[in-house]
């Protein structure tokens, strides 16, 4: 594959994810700490970014390197009907926590490749505390797990029957659940409170399904 062909594939994949996440080139440049000219060049097949920036974009878009760097056109025909259906459960509060598990309200489809990596469910967002990345009525795809890395977006339960979508920050003396929206104060829980309330992580957000 020539450099020009590779640049074109990357530009198409990047534009796909920008559209999927309703993100502008300017917003991406700010998240990556690069100039708008760089993002423009990537989106138009003029240049490709360094691998550290590719990895940063993978974190932003919840995808793998191959999702940004490989041609998915031919793959889509063979995998179009091999998805796995998962349930979308009750609404998760992106703001004031509400009861997490209600009746199944919808379904979503994930790839077989993703399904092999764990147990998944969808949760519908309510509120605006995770804007501008996650909006009300968006569906987040969640992999069930009881721990996550600092910086991950997680679904956490508080007092056993409340759930919230927040970014996790870990400290030596506790954890913080942080909103993207600066209007909401971070929620800090000491190590003692994590055990006494309790505060539990029930999953990590691995994908966002934006709704119009």
Protein backbone atom coordinates (compact mmCIF):
# COMPACT_ATOMS: atom_id res chain seq x y z
CA UNK A 1 0.00 0.00 0.00
CA UNK A 2 1.37 3.39 -0.96
CA UNK A 3 1.66 6.27 1.47
CA UNK A 4 -1.03 8.14 -0.44
CA UNK A 5 -3.43 5.18 -0.19
CA UNK A 6 -2.75 4.83 3.54
CA UNK A 7 -3.33 8.56 4.10
CA UNK A 8 -6.65 8.29 2.27
CA UNK A 9 -7.81 5.32 4.34
CA UNK A 10 -6.89 7.09 7.57
CA UNK A 11 -8.68 10.27 6.50
CA UNK A 12 -11.87 8.34 5.71
CA UNK A 13 -11.80 6.51 9.04
CA UNK A 14 -11.10 9.70 10.98
CA UNK A 15 -13.96 11.54 9.27
CA UNK A 16 -16.22 8.58 10.09
CA UNK A 17 -15.45 8.85 13.81
CA UNK A 18 -15.76 12.63 13.83
CA UNK A 19 -19.23 12.26 12.33
CA UNK A 20 -20.16 9.44 14.69
CA UNK A 21 -19.21 11.47 17.75
CA UNK A 22 -20.51 14.76 16.30
CA UNK A 23 -17.10 16.28 16.90
CA UNK A 24 -15.55 19.13 14.93
CA UNK A 25 -11.96 19.28 13.76
CA UNK A 26 -11.42 22.17 16.16
CA UNK A 27 -12.72 20.16 19.12
CA UNK A 28 -10.45 17.25 18.22
CA UNK A 29 -7.43 19.52 17.88
CA UNK A 30 -8.04 20.88 21.39
CA UNK A 31 -8.39 17.39 22.87
CA UNK A 32 -5.14 16.29 21.21
CA UNK A 33 -3.23 19.50 21.88
CA UNK A 34 -2.38 20.04 18.21
CA UNK A 35 -3.07 22.77 15.70
CA UNK A 36 -6.17 22.79 13.53
CA UNK A 37 -3.96 22.57 10.45
CA UNK A 38 -2.73 19.15 11.56
CA UNK A 39 -6.27 17.79 11.95
CA UNK A 40 -7.23 19.33 8.60
CA UNK A 41 -4.31 17.55 6.93
CA UNK A 42 -5.29 14.23 8.53
CA UNK A 43 -8.93 14.59 7.47
CA UNK A 44 -7.97 15.38 3.89
CA UNK A 45 -5.40 12.64 3.35
CA UNK A 46 -2.45 15.02 3.20
CA UNK A 47 -0.62 13.59 6.21
CA UNK A 48 -1.10 11.03 8.98
CA UNK A 49 -0.41 11.62 12.68
CA UNK A 50 2.30 10.13 14.86
CA UNK A 51 1.37 6.92 16.66
CA UNK A 52 1.03 8.67 20.01
CA UNK A 53 -1.70 10.85 18.50
CA UNK A 54 -3.33 7.79 16.91
CA UNK A 55 -3.41 6.14 20.35
CA UNK A 56 -4.88 9.31 21.85
CA UNK A 57 -7.63 9.28 19.21
CA UNK A 58 -8.32 5.62 20.01
CA UNK A 59 -8.98 6.67 23.61
CA UNK A 60 -11.23 9.53 22.49
CA UNK A 61 -13.24 7.41 20.05
CA UNK A 62 -13.16 4.19 22.11
CA UNK A 63 -11.67 2.25 19.21
CA UNK A 64 -8.55 0.31 18.23
CA UNK A 65 -5.66 1.34 16.01
CA UNK A 66 -6.97 -0.93 13.26
CA UNK A 67 -10.30 0.92 13.30
CA UNK A 68 -8.47 4.09 12.27
CA UNK A 69 -5.76 2.60 10.08
CA UNK A 70 -7.40 -0.22 8.10
CA UNK A 71 -9.88 -0.15 5.24
CA UNK A 72 -13.22 -1.33 6.61
CA UNK A 73 -15.09 -1.25 3.28
CA UNK A 74 -14.49 -4.86 2.32
CA UNK A 75 -14.89 -6.08 5.88
CA UNK A 76 -18.33 -4.52 6.25
CA UNK A 77 -19.86 -6.86 3.65
CA UNK A 78 -18.72 -10.02 5.40
CA UNK A 79 -19.63 -8.87 8.92
CA UNK A 80 -22.84 -6.97 8.23
CA UNK A 81 -25.04 -9.78 9.56
CA UNK A 82 -22.82 -11.23 12.28
CA UNK A 83 -23.58 -8.73 15.03
CA UNK A 84 -24.64 -9.66 18.56
CA UNK A 85 -27.76 -8.05 20.04
CA UNK A 86 -27.53 -6.68 23.58
CA UNK A 87 -30.21 -5.19 25.80
CA UNK A 88 -30.47 -1.50 26.58
CA UNK A 89 -31.50 -1.26 30.23
CA UNK A 90 -33.00 1.52 32.31
CA UNK A 91 -31.77 5.08 32.12
CA UNK A 92 -28.53 6.07 33.80
CA UNK A 93 -28.40 9.58 35.21
CA UNK A 94 -25.71 11.78 33.72
CA UNK A 95 -26.29 14.25 36.51
CA UNK A 96 -28.28 13.35 39.61
CA UNK A 97 -28.03 9.55 40.04
CA UNK A 98 -31.20 7.52 39.52
CA UNK A 99 -32.11 3.86 39.78
CA UNK A 100 -30.07 2.02 37.13
CA UNK A 101 -31.76 -1.23 36.35
CA UNK A 102 -35.29 -1.01 35.00
CA UNK A 103 -37.04 -3.04 32.31
CA UNK A 104 -35.35 -3.55 28.96
CA UNK A 105 -36.23 -0.48 26.89
CA UNK A 106 -34.40 -1.19 23.63
CA UNK A 107 -31.66 -3.24 21.99
CA UNK A 108 -28.37 -2.42 20.29
CA UNK A 109 -25.99 -4.47 18.17
CA UNK A 110 -22.28 -4.95 18.78
CA UNK A 111 -19.74 -6.85 16.71
CA UNK A 112 -18.95 -10.49 17.41
CA UNK A 113 -15.36 -9.41 17.95
CA UNK A 114 -16.41 -7.08 20.74
CA UNK A 115 -18.83 -9.60 22.24
CA UNK A 116 -16.00 -12.11 22.69
CA UNK A 117 -14.20 -9.73 25.06
CA UNK A 118 -16.82 -9.82 27.83
CA UNK A 119 -20.44 -9.25 28.83
CA UNK A 120 -22.07 -6.08 27.51
CA UNK A 121 -25.23 -4.06 27.97
CA UNK A 122 -26.50 -0.69 26.83
CA UNK A 123 -27.64 2.11 29.09
CA UNK A 124 -29.54 5.24 28.12
CA UNK A 125 -28.22 8.57 29.37
CA UNK A 126 -30.40 11.09 31.16
CA UNK A 127 -29.23 14.59 32.03
CA UNK A 128 -26.47 16.85 30.78
CA UNK A 129 -23.56 16.35 33.16
CA UNK A 130 -21.47 14.47 30.58
CA UNK A 131 -21.90 17.05 27.82
CA UNK A 132 -20.35 17.95 25.44
CA UNK A 133 -19.21 14.35 24.84
CA UNK A 134 -22.31 12.43 25.93
CA UNK A 135 -25.79 13.89 25.56
CA UNK A 136 -29.19 13.07 27.00
CA UNK A 137 -30.82 10.07 25.27
CA UNK A 138 -27.48 8.81 23.94
CA UNK A 139 -26.86 5.11 24.53
CA UNK A 140 -23.55 4.01 25.98
CA UNK A 141 -22.26 0.49 25.41
CA UNK A 142 -20.90 -0.86 28.68
CA UNK A 143 -18.61 -3.81 29.33
CA UNK A 144 -19.39 -5.35 32.71
CA UNK A 145 -16.38 -5.11 35.04
CA UNK A 146 -15.85 -4.20 38.66
CA UNK A 147 -12.77 -2.03 38.20
CA UNK A 148 -11.37 0.43 35.68
CA UNK A 149 -8.34 2.59 35.03
CA UNK A 150 -8.09 6.17 36.20
CA UNK A 151 -9.45 8.32 33.37
CA UNK A 152 -11.97 5.75 32.09
CA UNK A 153 -15.66 6.62 31.74
CA UNK A 154 -17.56 4.23 33.99
CA UNK A 155 -20.99 3.34 35.26
CA UNK A 156 -20.88 3.31 39.05
CA UNK A 157 -23.49 2.48 41.64
CA UNK A 158 -23.82 4.47 44.84
CA UNK A 159 -25.62 3.13 47.91
CA UNK A 160 -26.38 -0.05 46.00
CA UNK A 161 -29.34 1.23 43.99
CA UNK A 162 -28.15 4.39 42.27
CA UNK A 163 -26.07 4.60 39.11
CA UNK A 164 -24.24 7.38 37.37
CA UNK A 165 -22.11 7.82 34.25
CA UNK A 166 -18.89 9.60 35.17
CA UNK A 167 -15.18 9.76 34.48
CA UNK A 168 -13.17 7.92 37.13
CA UNK A 169 -10.14 9.39 38.86
CA UNK A 170 -8.24 7.25 41.35
CA UNK A 171 -6.25 8.60 44.27
CA UNK A 172 -4.40 6.98 47.14
CA UNK A 173 -7.12 7.99 49.62
CA UNK A 174 -10.19 7.41 47.43
CA UNK A 175 -11.81 8.01 44.07
CA UNK A 176 -13.51 10.88 42.28
CA UNK A 177 -16.43 10.63 39.87
CA UNK A 178 -16.17 13.56 37.48
CA UNK A 179 -18.62 15.10 35.03
CA UNK A 180 -17.51 16.46 31.66
CA UNK A 181 -19.82 19.41 32.26
CA UNK A 182 -18.00 21.87 34.57
CA UNK A 183 -21.35 22.97 36.03
CA UNK A 184 -21.33 19.77 38.09
CA UNK A 185 -19.01 19.37 41.05
CA UNK A 186 -16.87 16.20 41.20
CA UNK A 187 -18.04 13.58 43.69
CA UNK A 188 -15.22 12.39 45.94
CA UNK A 189 -15.46 9.21 47.99
CA UNK A 190 -12.82 8.23 50.53
CA UNK A 191 -11.66 4.64 50.77
CA UNK A 192 -13.86 4.28 53.84
CA UNK A 193 -16.92 5.66 52.01
CA UNK A 194 -16.31 3.34 49.06
CA UNK A 195 -16.80 0.43 51.44
CA UNK A 196 -19.52 1.88 53.67
CA UNK A 197 -21.94 3.36 51.10
CA UNK A 198 -20.82 1.31 49.06
CA UNK A 199 -19.56 2.76 45.78
CA UNK A 200 -19.08 0.10 43.10
CA UNK A 201 -18.04 0.18 39.48
CA UNK A 202 -20.37 -1.99 37.41
CA UNK A 203 -18.90 -1.35 33.98
CA UNK A 204 -16.69 0.64 31.66
CA UNK A 205 -18.13 2.66 28.78
CA UNK A 206 -16.50 1.38 25.61
CA UNK A 207 -18.66 2.98 22.93
CA UNK A 208 -21.13 5.80 22.47
CA UNK A 209 -24.21 5.53 20.26
CA UNK A 210 -25.33 9.09 19.69
CA UNK A 211 -29.04 9.68 19.11
CA UNK A 212 -30.55 12.46 16.99
